[in-house]
Amino acid sequence: MQKGDLVKCCNVEDYGKIGLILEHDLSLKTIKIYIQDTQAVKTLYSRDAMLYKVSPENKIVLDNSID
C-alpha cells in the first residue's frame, strides 16, 4: 500500500467503506486515510485496511522496479 491507493476498511467502525491513502507510516504500521462516505480523515493500523485498487502512478513505479 502506498500513498494514492484505494483501500477498503476492515475495522469495526468503518467496515466496508472505501478510502484514499494520504500517508503510510511503515515504522508505526499506520495509514492515514480519507473516507469517501463520511468525508473524514482517520488513522488506522495497516492491518485494518485491505488494498482495493492501486493508483496508476504506483503501477508505473512497480513495473519499473521489476525490470
C-alpha atoms as a PDB file:
ATOM      1  CA  MET A   1       0.000   0.000   0.000  1.00  0.00           C
ATOM      2  CA  GLN A   2       1.273   3.408  -0.950  1.00  0.00           C
ATOM      3  CA  LYS A   3       0.047   6.977  -0.996  1.00  0.00           C
ATOM      4  CA  GLY A   4      -2.783   7.377  -3.512  1.00  0.00           C
ATOM      5  CA  ASP A   5      -4.082   3.795  -3.382  1.00  0.00           C
ATOM      6  CA  LEU A   6      -7.704   2.966  -2.607  1.00  0.00           C
ATOM      7  CA  VAL A   7      -8.337   0.737   0.399  1.00  0.00           C
ATOM      8  CA  LYS A   8     -11.350  -0.974   1.907  1.00  0.00           C
ATOM      9  CA  CYS A   9     -11.676  -0.553   5.692  1.00  0.00           C
ATOM     10  CA  CYS A  10     -11.902  -3.719   7.771  1.00  0.00           C
ATOM     11  CA  ASN A  11     -12.247  -2.238  11.259  1.00  0.00           C
ATOM     12  CA  VAL A  12     -15.493  -2.326  13.242  1.00  0.00           C
ATOM     13  CA  GLU A  13     -16.465   1.361  12.879  1.00  0.00           C
ATOM     14  CA  ASP A  14     -15.890   1.767   9.136  1.00  0.00           C
ATOM     15  CA  TYR A  15     -16.320  -1.776   7.841  1.00  0.00           C
ATOM     16  CA  GLY A  16     -16.649  -1.932   4.070  1.00  0.00           C
ATOM     17  CA  LYS A  17     -16.062   1.768   3.393  1.00  0.00           C
ATOM     18  CA  ILE A  18     -13.641   2.858   0.668  1.00  0.00           C
ATOM     19  CA  GLY A  19     -10.867   5.319   1.458  1.00  0.00           C
ATOM     20  CA  LEU A  20      -7.871   7.013  -0.160  1.00  0.00           C
ATOM     21  CA  ILE A  21      -4.438   6.687   1.482  1.00  0.00           C
ATOM     22  CA  LEU A  22      -2.972  10.081   2.345  1.00  0.00           C
ATOM     23  CA  GLU A  23       0.054   8.863   4.339  1.00  0.00           C
ATOM     24  CA  HIS A  24       1.602   5.476   5.071  1.00  0.00           C
ATOM     25  CA  ASP A  25       3.993   5.177   8.030  1.00  0.00           C
ATOM     26  CA  LEU A  26       5.954   1.944   7.668  1.00  0.00           C
ATOM     27  CA  SER A  27       7.663   2.168  11.063  1.00  0.00           C
ATOM     28  CA  LEU A  28       4.412   2.558  13.037  1.00  0.00           C
ATOM     29  CA  LYS A  29       2.438   0.422  10.549  1.00  0.00           C
ATOM     30  CA  THR A  30      -0.325   3.015  10.320  1.00  0.00           C
ATOM     31  CA  ILE A  31      -2.109   4.721   7.445  1.00  0.00           C
ATOM     32  CA  LYS A  32      -3.971   7.996   7.301  1.00  0.00           C
ATOM     33  CA  ILE A  33      -6.969   7.698   5.001  1.00  0.00           C
ATOM     34  CA  TYR A  34      -9.725   9.921   3.682  1.00  0.00           C
ATOM     35  CA  ILE A  35     -13.027   8.038   3.842  1.00  0.00           C
ATOM     36  CA  GLN A  36     -15.327   8.988   0.970  1.00  0.00           C
ATOM     37  CA  ASP A  37     -18.681   8.261   2.641  1.00  0.00           C
ATOM     38  CA  THR A  38     -18.183  10.300   5.800  1.00  0.00           C
ATOM     39  CA  GLN A  39     -15.626  12.756   4.360  1.00  0.00           C
ATOM     40  CA  ALA A  40     -13.434  12.189   7.414  1.00  0.00           C
ATOM     41  CA  VAL A  41      -9.699  11.673   7.782  1.00  0.00           C
ATOM     42  CA  LYS A  42      -8.804   8.764  10.072  1.00  0.00           C
ATOM     43  CA  THR A  43      -5.658   6.989  11.172  1.00  0.00           C
ATOM     44  CA  LEU A  44      -5.844   3.197  11.108  1.00  0.00           C
ATOM     45  CA  TYR A  45      -3.430   0.340  11.520  1.00  0.00           C
ATOM     46  CA  SER A  46      -2.346  -1.124   8.202  1.00  0.00           C
ATOM     47  CA  ARG A  47      -3.861  -4.469   9.189  1.00  0.00           C
ATOM     48  CA  ASP A  48      -7.315  -2.814   9.334  1.00  0.00           C
ATOM     49  CA  ALA A  49      -7.298  -1.948   5.629  1.00  0.00           C
ATOM     50  CA  MET A  50      -7.341  -4.099   2.521  1.00  0.00           C
ATOM     51  CA  LEU A  51      -5.914  -2.901  -0.800  1.00  0.00           C
ATOM     52  CA  TYR A  52      -8.820  -2.196  -3.149  1.00  0.00           C
ATOM     53  CA  LYS A  53      -7.116  -0.604  -6.174  1.00  0.00           C
ATOM     54  CA  VAL A  54      -3.571   0.555  -6.924  1.00  0.00           C
ATOM     55  CA  SER A  55      -3.229   4.095  -8.270  1.00  0.00           C
ATOM     56  CA  PRO A  56      -1.901   4.430 -11.854  1.00  0.00           C
ATOM     57  CA  GLU A  57       1.227   6.289 -10.669  1.00  0.00           C
ATOM     58  CA  ASN A  58       2.102   3.456  -8.298  1.00  0.00           C
ATOM     59  CA  LYS A  59       1.610   0.869 -11.061  1.00  0.00           C
ATOM     60  CA  ILE A  60       4.313   2.600 -13.125  1.00  0.00           C
ATOM     61  CA  VAL A  61       6.699   2.583 -10.152  1.00  0.00           C
ATOM     62  CA  LEU A  62       6.023  -1.112  -9.513  1.00  0.00           C
ATOM     63  CA  ASP A  63       6.555  -2.011 -13.175  1.00  0.00           C
ATOM     64  CA  ASN A  64       9.877  -0.128 -13.275  1.00  0.00           C
ATOM     65  CA  SER A  65      11.121  -1.788 -10.086  1.00  0.00           C
ATOM     66  CA  ILE A  66      10.520  -5.271 -11.536  1.00  0.00           C
ATOM     67  CA  ASP A  67      12.615  -4.585 -14.662  1.00  0.00           C
END
